[in-house]
Amino acid sequence: MIKVSVMYPNKPGARFDHDYYRDRHMPLVQRLMGEKCKRYTVDKGMAGGAPGTAPTYVAMCHIFCDSVDAFQAGFGPHAAEILADIPNYTDLQPVLQISEVVVGGN
């Protein structure tokens, strides 16, 4: 299992519509990817590592797929449509990381 993390850096003055991201963008991603997207989570940054500090990322999503090939097969054909939706909720440039899930819990 792999996890694709899409992280939006917390930058002063940047725009991020959490409601749109949660209610419209990520369901769009899941619908377009179909069964290739096993599940996803959405995080809203609250705080940094030290008391009183801002979060490093204002928001993140994590898309779980069976493999990198499965992610590419699900995302690739719809990349233009998915990426075109980004300006509807943010003016930030996302940071992407693909990780192997080595331990999963409930």
N, C-alpha and C. Protein backbone atom coordinates (compact mmCIF):
# COMPACT_ATOMS: atom_id res chain seq x y z
N MET A 1 0.85 -1.18 0.00
CA MET A 1 0.00 0.00 0.00
C MET A 1 0.89 1.23 0.00
N ILE A 2 0.47 2.24 -0.76
CA ILE A 2 1.19 3.52 -0.77
C ILE A 2 0.24 4.63 -0.33
N LYS A 3 0.86 5.72 0.09
CA LYS A 3 0.10 6.91 0.48
C LYS A 3 0.67 8.09 -0.28
N VAL A 4 -0.19 8.79 -0.99
CA VAL A 4 0.20 10.01 -1.69
C VAL A 4 -0.24 11.17 -0.81
N SER A 5 0.72 11.92 -0.30
CA SER A 5 0.42 13.06 0.56
C SER A 5 0.56 14.34 -0.26
N VAL A 6 -0.47 15.15 -0.23
CA VAL A 6 -0.47 16.45 -0.90
C VAL A 6 -0.59 17.48 0.21
N MET A 7 0.45 18.31 0.35
CA MET A 7 0.54 19.22 1.49
C MET A 7 0.61 20.66 0.98
N TYR A 8 -0.13 21.52 1.65
CA TYR A 8 -0.21 22.92 1.28
C TYR A 8 0.49 23.76 2.34
N PRO A 9 1.68 24.32 2.02
CA PRO A 9 2.44 25.09 2.99
C PRO A 9 1.65 26.28 3.53
N ASN A 10 1.80 26.53 4.82
CA ASN A 10 1.13 27.65 5.47
C ASN A 10 1.93 28.92 5.21
N LYS A 11 1.42 29.77 4.33
CA LYS A 11 2.10 31.01 3.98
C LYS A 11 1.19 32.19 4.31
N PRO A 12 1.73 33.21 4.99
CA PRO A 12 0.91 34.38 5.35
C PRO A 12 0.24 34.99 4.12
N GLY A 13 -1.04 35.28 4.25
CA GLY A 13 -1.79 35.92 3.18
C GLY A 13 -2.32 34.98 2.12
N ALA A 14 -1.97 33.70 2.19
CA ALA A 14 -2.44 32.74 1.19
C ALA A 14 -3.92 32.43 1.43
N ARG A 15 -4.58 32.01 0.37
CA ARG A 15 -6.00 31.66 0.42
C ARG A 15 -6.14 30.14 0.40
N PHE A 16 -6.98 29.61 1.29
CA PHE A 16 -7.29 28.19 1.27
C PHE A 16 -8.72 28.00 1.79
N ASP A 17 -9.59 27.47 0.94
CA ASP A 17 -11.00 27.23 1.30
C ASP A 17 -11.14 25.77 1.73
N HIS A 18 -11.09 25.56 3.05
CA HIS A 18 -11.16 24.19 3.60
C HIS A 18 -12.47 23.49 3.25
N ASP A 19 -13.58 24.23 3.27
CA ASP A 19 -14.87 23.62 2.96
C ASP A 19 -14.90 23.10 1.52
N TYR A 20 -14.44 23.92 0.59
CA TYR A 20 -14.40 23.49 -0.80
C TYR A 20 -13.50 22.27 -0.96
N TYR A 21 -12.35 22.30 -0.34
CA TYR A 21 -11.39 21.20 -0.45
C TYR A 21 -12.00 19.91 0.06
N ARG A 22 -12.62 19.98 1.23
CA ARG A 22 -13.22 18.79 1.86
C ARG A 22 -14.46 18.31 1.12
N ASP A 23 -15.33 19.25 0.74
CA ASP A 23 -16.65 18.88 0.23
C ASP A 23 -16.73 18.72 -1.28
N ARG A 24 -15.78 19.32 -2.03
CA ARG A 24 -15.88 19.27 -3.48
C ARG A 24 -14.63 18.70 -4.16
N HIS A 25 -13.45 19.22 -3.78
CA HIS A 25 -12.25 18.79 -4.49
C HIS A 25 -11.91 17.33 -4.24
N MET A 26 -11.82 16.96 -2.97
CA MET A 26 -11.42 15.57 -2.69
C MET A 26 -12.47 14.55 -3.13
N PRO A 27 -13.77 14.81 -2.99
CA PRO A 27 -14.73 13.88 -3.60
C PRO A 27 -14.58 13.78 -5.12
N LEU A 28 -14.21 14.90 -5.77
CA LEU A 28 -13.94 14.86 -7.21
C LEU A 28 -12.77 13.93 -7.51
N VAL A 29 -11.69 14.07 -6.74
CA VAL A 29 -10.52 13.21 -6.93
C VAL A 29 -10.92 11.74 -6.76
N GLN A 30 -11.66 11.44 -5.70
CA GLN A 30 -12.05 10.05 -5.47
C GLN A 30 -12.95 9.52 -6.58
N ARG A 31 -13.89 10.34 -7.02
CA ARG A 31 -14.80 9.91 -8.09
C ARG A 31 -14.03 9.63 -9.38
N LEU A 32 -13.11 10.52 -9.73
CA LEU A 32 -12.36 10.34 -10.97
C LEU A 32 -11.39 9.17 -10.89
N MET A 33 -10.77 8.98 -9.75
CA MET A 33 -9.82 7.86 -9.60
C MET A 33 -10.51 6.52 -9.46
N GLY A 34 -11.77 6.53 -9.03
CA GLY A 34 -12.52 5.29 -8.90
C GLY A 34 -11.88 4.34 -7.90
N GLU A 35 -11.86 3.07 -8.24
CA GLU A 35 -11.37 2.03 -7.32
C GLU A 35 -9.86 2.13 -7.06
N LYS A 36 -9.15 2.91 -7.86
CA LYS A 36 -7.70 3.08 -7.64
C LYS A 36 -7.43 3.83 -6.34
N CYS A 37 -8.37 4.68 -5.93
CA CYS A 37 -8.28 5.40 -4.65
C CYS A 37 -9.02 4.56 -3.62
N LYS A 38 -8.25 3.87 -2.78
CA LYS A 38 -8.86 3.00 -1.78
C LYS A 38 -9.59 3.80 -0.71
N ARG A 39 -8.97 4.92 -0.31
CA ARG A 39 -9.57 5.85 0.65
C ARG A 39 -8.68 7.08 0.69
N TYR A 40 -9.19 8.11 1.34
CA TYR A 40 -8.38 9.31 1.52
C TYR A 40 -8.74 9.95 2.86
N THR A 41 -7.83 10.78 3.34
CA THR A 41 -8.10 11.58 4.53
C THR A 41 -7.76 13.02 4.19
N VAL A 42 -8.36 13.94 4.93
CA VAL A 42 -8.09 15.37 4.79
C VAL A 42 -7.74 15.90 6.17
N ASP A 43 -6.63 16.64 6.25
CA ASP A 43 -6.17 17.25 7.51
C ASP A 43 -6.22 18.76 7.39
N LYS A 44 -6.58 19.42 8.48
CA LYS A 44 -6.55 20.88 8.56
C LYS A 44 -5.52 21.25 9.62
N GLY A 45 -4.47 21.98 9.23
CA GLY A 45 -3.42 22.35 10.15
C GLY A 45 -3.94 23.19 11.31
N MET A 46 -3.46 22.86 12.51
CA MET A 46 -3.90 23.58 13.71
C MET A 46 -2.77 24.33 14.39
N ALA A 47 -1.60 23.72 14.49
CA ALA A 47 -0.48 24.32 15.22
C ALA A 47 0.82 23.66 14.80
N GLY A 48 1.93 24.35 15.11
CA GLY A 48 3.25 23.79 14.85
C GLY A 48 3.71 22.95 16.02
N GLY A 49 4.96 22.55 15.99
CA GLY A 49 5.52 21.67 17.01
C GLY A 49 5.74 22.34 18.36
N ALA A 50 5.93 23.63 18.37
CA ALA A 50 6.13 24.36 19.62
C ALA A 50 4.86 25.13 19.98
N PRO A 51 4.59 25.30 21.26
CA PRO A 51 3.40 26.04 21.68
C PRO A 51 3.33 27.43 21.03
N GLY A 52 2.15 27.75 20.52
CA GLY A 52 1.92 29.06 19.94
C GLY A 52 2.44 29.27 18.54
N THR A 53 2.97 28.22 17.91
CA THR A 53 3.47 28.37 16.54
C THR A 53 2.42 27.93 15.53
N ALA A 54 2.51 28.49 14.35
CA ALA A 54 1.58 28.16 13.27
C ALA A 54 1.91 26.79 12.69
N PRO A 55 0.91 26.13 12.11
CA PRO A 55 1.19 24.83 11.47
C PRO A 55 2.09 25.01 10.25
N THR A 56 2.88 24.00 9.98
CA THR A 56 3.74 24.02 8.79
C THR A 56 2.89 23.98 7.53
N TYR A 57 1.81 23.21 7.57
CA TYR A 57 0.91 23.07 6.43
C TYR A 57 -0.49 23.49 6.85
N VAL A 58 -1.14 24.27 5.99
CA VAL A 58 -2.50 24.72 6.29
C VAL A 58 -3.49 23.58 6.06
N ALA A 59 -3.15 22.67 5.15
CA ALA A 59 -4.00 21.52 4.86
C ALA A 59 -3.17 20.43 4.20
N MET A 60 -3.68 19.20 4.31
CA MET A 60 -3.06 18.05 3.65
C MET A 60 -4.16 17.07 3.27
N CYS A 61 -3.88 16.28 2.26
CA CYS A 61 -4.70 15.10 2.01
C CYS A 61 -3.75 13.93 1.83
N HIS A 62 -4.27 12.76 2.10
CA HIS A 62 -3.50 11.53 1.95
C HIS A 62 -4.38 10.56 1.19
N ILE A 63 -3.92 10.16 0.02
CA ILE A 63 -4.66 9.24 -0.85
C ILE A 63 -3.98 7.88 -0.77
N PHE A 64 -4.73 6.87 -0.43
CA PHE A 64 -4.20 5.51 -0.27
C PHE A 64 -4.54 4.68 -1.50
N CYS A 65 -3.51 4.05 -2.06
CA CYS A 65 -3.65 3.22 -3.26
C CYS A 65 -2.84 1.94 -3.06
N ASP A 66 -3.13 0.94 -3.87
CA ASP A 66 -2.40 -0.33 -3.76
C ASP A 66 -0.93 -0.20 -4.15
N SER A 67 -0.64 0.69 -5.10
CA SER A 67 0.74 0.83 -5.59
C SER A 67 0.89 2.17 -6.30
N VAL A 68 2.13 2.51 -6.61
CA VAL A 68 2.38 3.72 -7.39
C VAL A 68 1.74 3.58 -8.76
N ASP A 69 1.85 2.40 -9.36
CA ASP A 69 1.22 2.17 -10.67
C ASP A 69 -0.29 2.38 -10.60
N ALA A 70 -0.92 1.92 -9.52
CA ALA A 70 -2.36 2.10 -9.37
C ALA A 70 -2.70 3.59 -9.24
N PHE A 71 -1.89 4.33 -8.47
CA PHE A 71 -2.12 5.76 -8.35
C PHE A 71 -2.00 6.43 -9.72
N GLN A 72 -0.94 6.13 -10.44
CA GLN A 72 -0.73 6.75 -11.74
C GLN A 72 -1.85 6.40 -12.71
N ALA A 73 -2.34 5.16 -12.66
CA ALA A 73 -3.43 4.74 -13.53
C ALA A 73 -4.73 5.47 -13.18
N GLY A 74 -4.94 5.75 -11.90
CA GLY A 74 -6.16 6.44 -11.49
C GLY A 74 -6.09 7.94 -11.65
N PHE A 75 -4.93 8.52 -11.37
CA PHE A 75 -4.78 9.97 -11.39
C PHE A 75 -4.44 10.49 -12.79
N GLY A 76 -3.51 9.82 -13.44
CA GLY A 76 -2.97 10.30 -14.72
C GLY A 76 -3.99 10.71 -15.75
N PRO A 77 -4.99 9.86 -16.06
CA PRO A 77 -5.96 10.23 -17.09
C PRO A 77 -6.81 11.45 -16.72
N HIS A 78 -6.84 11.80 -15.43
CA HIS A 78 -7.69 12.89 -14.96
C HIS A 78 -6.88 14.05 -14.39
N ALA A 79 -5.57 14.01 -14.55
CA ALA A 79 -4.69 15.02 -13.94
C ALA A 79 -5.08 16.43 -14.35
N ALA A 80 -5.35 16.66 -15.60
CA ALA A 80 -5.68 18.01 -16.06
C ALA A 80 -6.92 18.54 -15.35
N GLU A 81 -7.95 17.72 -15.24
CA GLU A 81 -9.20 18.15 -14.57
C GLU A 81 -8.97 18.39 -13.08
N ILE A 82 -8.24 17.49 -12.44
CA ILE A 82 -7.97 17.63 -11.00
C ILE A 82 -7.14 18.87 -10.73
N LEU A 83 -6.07 19.06 -11.49
CA LEU A 83 -5.20 20.21 -11.28
C LEU A 83 -5.90 21.53 -11.62
N ALA A 84 -6.80 21.50 -12.60
CA ALA A 84 -7.54 22.71 -12.97
C ALA A 84 -8.48 23.17 -11.86
N ASP A 85 -8.82 22.28 -10.94
CA ASP A 85 -9.72 22.63 -9.84
C ASP A 85 -8.99 23.33 -8.69
N ILE A 86 -7.67 23.24 -8.63
CA ILE A 86 -6.91 23.81 -7.51
C ILE A 86 -7.19 25.29 -7.30
N PRO A 87 -7.23 26.13 -8.33
CA PRO A 87 -7.50 27.56 -8.10
C PRO A 87 -8.87 27.84 -7.47
N ASN A 88 -9.77 26.88 -7.49
CA ASN A 88 -11.07 27.07 -6.86
C ASN A 88 -10.99 27.09 -5.35
N TYR A 89 -9.91 26.56 -4.77
CA TYR A 89 -9.81 26.55 -3.31
C TYR A 89 -8.52 27.14 -2.74
N THR A 90 -7.50 27.35 -3.58
CA THR A 90 -6.26 27.90 -3.02
C THR A 90 -5.42 28.60 -4.08
N ASP A 91 -4.53 29.45 -3.58
CA ASP A 91 -3.51 30.05 -4.44
C ASP A 91 -2.12 29.51 -4.06
N LEU A 92 -2.09 28.47 -3.24
CA LEU A 92 -0.84 27.84 -2.80
C LEU A 92 -0.38 26.77 -3.80
N GLN A 93 0.91 26.54 -3.83
CA GLN A 93 1.49 25.47 -4.64
C GLN A 93 1.64 24.24 -3.75
N PRO A 94 0.94 23.13 -4.04
CA PRO A 94 1.04 21.96 -3.18
C PRO A 94 2.41 21.26 -3.30
N VAL A 95 2.77 20.57 -2.22
CA VAL A 95 3.97 19.74 -2.16
C VAL A 95 3.48 18.29 -2.12
N LEU A 96 4.07 17.43 -2.93
CA LEU A 96 3.61 16.04 -3.03
C LEU A 96 4.70 15.09 -2.55
N GLN A 97 4.28 14.06 -1.85
CA GLN A 97 5.19 12.99 -1.46
C GLN A 97 4.45 11.66 -1.56
N ILE A 98 5.14 10.66 -2.09
CA ILE A 98 4.60 9.30 -2.14
C ILE A 98 5.40 8.46 -1.16
N SER A 99 4.68 7.77 -0.28
CA SER A 99 5.31 6.97 0.76
C SER A 99 4.77 5.54 0.71
N GLU A 100 5.60 4.61 1.11
CA GLU A 100 5.15 3.24 1.33
C GLU A 100 4.59 3.17 2.75
N VAL A 101 3.39 2.63 2.88
CA VAL A 101 2.79 2.45 4.21
C VAL A 101 3.35 1.15 4.78
N VAL A 102 4.13 1.26 5.84
CA VAL A 102 4.76 0.08 6.42
C VAL A 102 4.02 -0.43 7.65
N VAL A 103 3.24 0.42 8.28
CA VAL A 103 2.42 0.02 9.42
C VAL A 103 1.11 0.79 9.33
N GLY A 104 0.01 0.12 9.52
CA GLY A 104 -1.30 0.76 9.55
C GLY A 104 -2.07 0.29 10.76
N GLY A 105 -2.77 1.17 11.37
CA GLY A 105 -3.56 0.82 12.55
C GLY A 105 -4.97 1.34 12.44
N ASN A 106 -5.73 1.03 13.44
CA ASN A 106 -7.13 1.49 13.44
C ASN A 106 -7.29 2.71 14.29
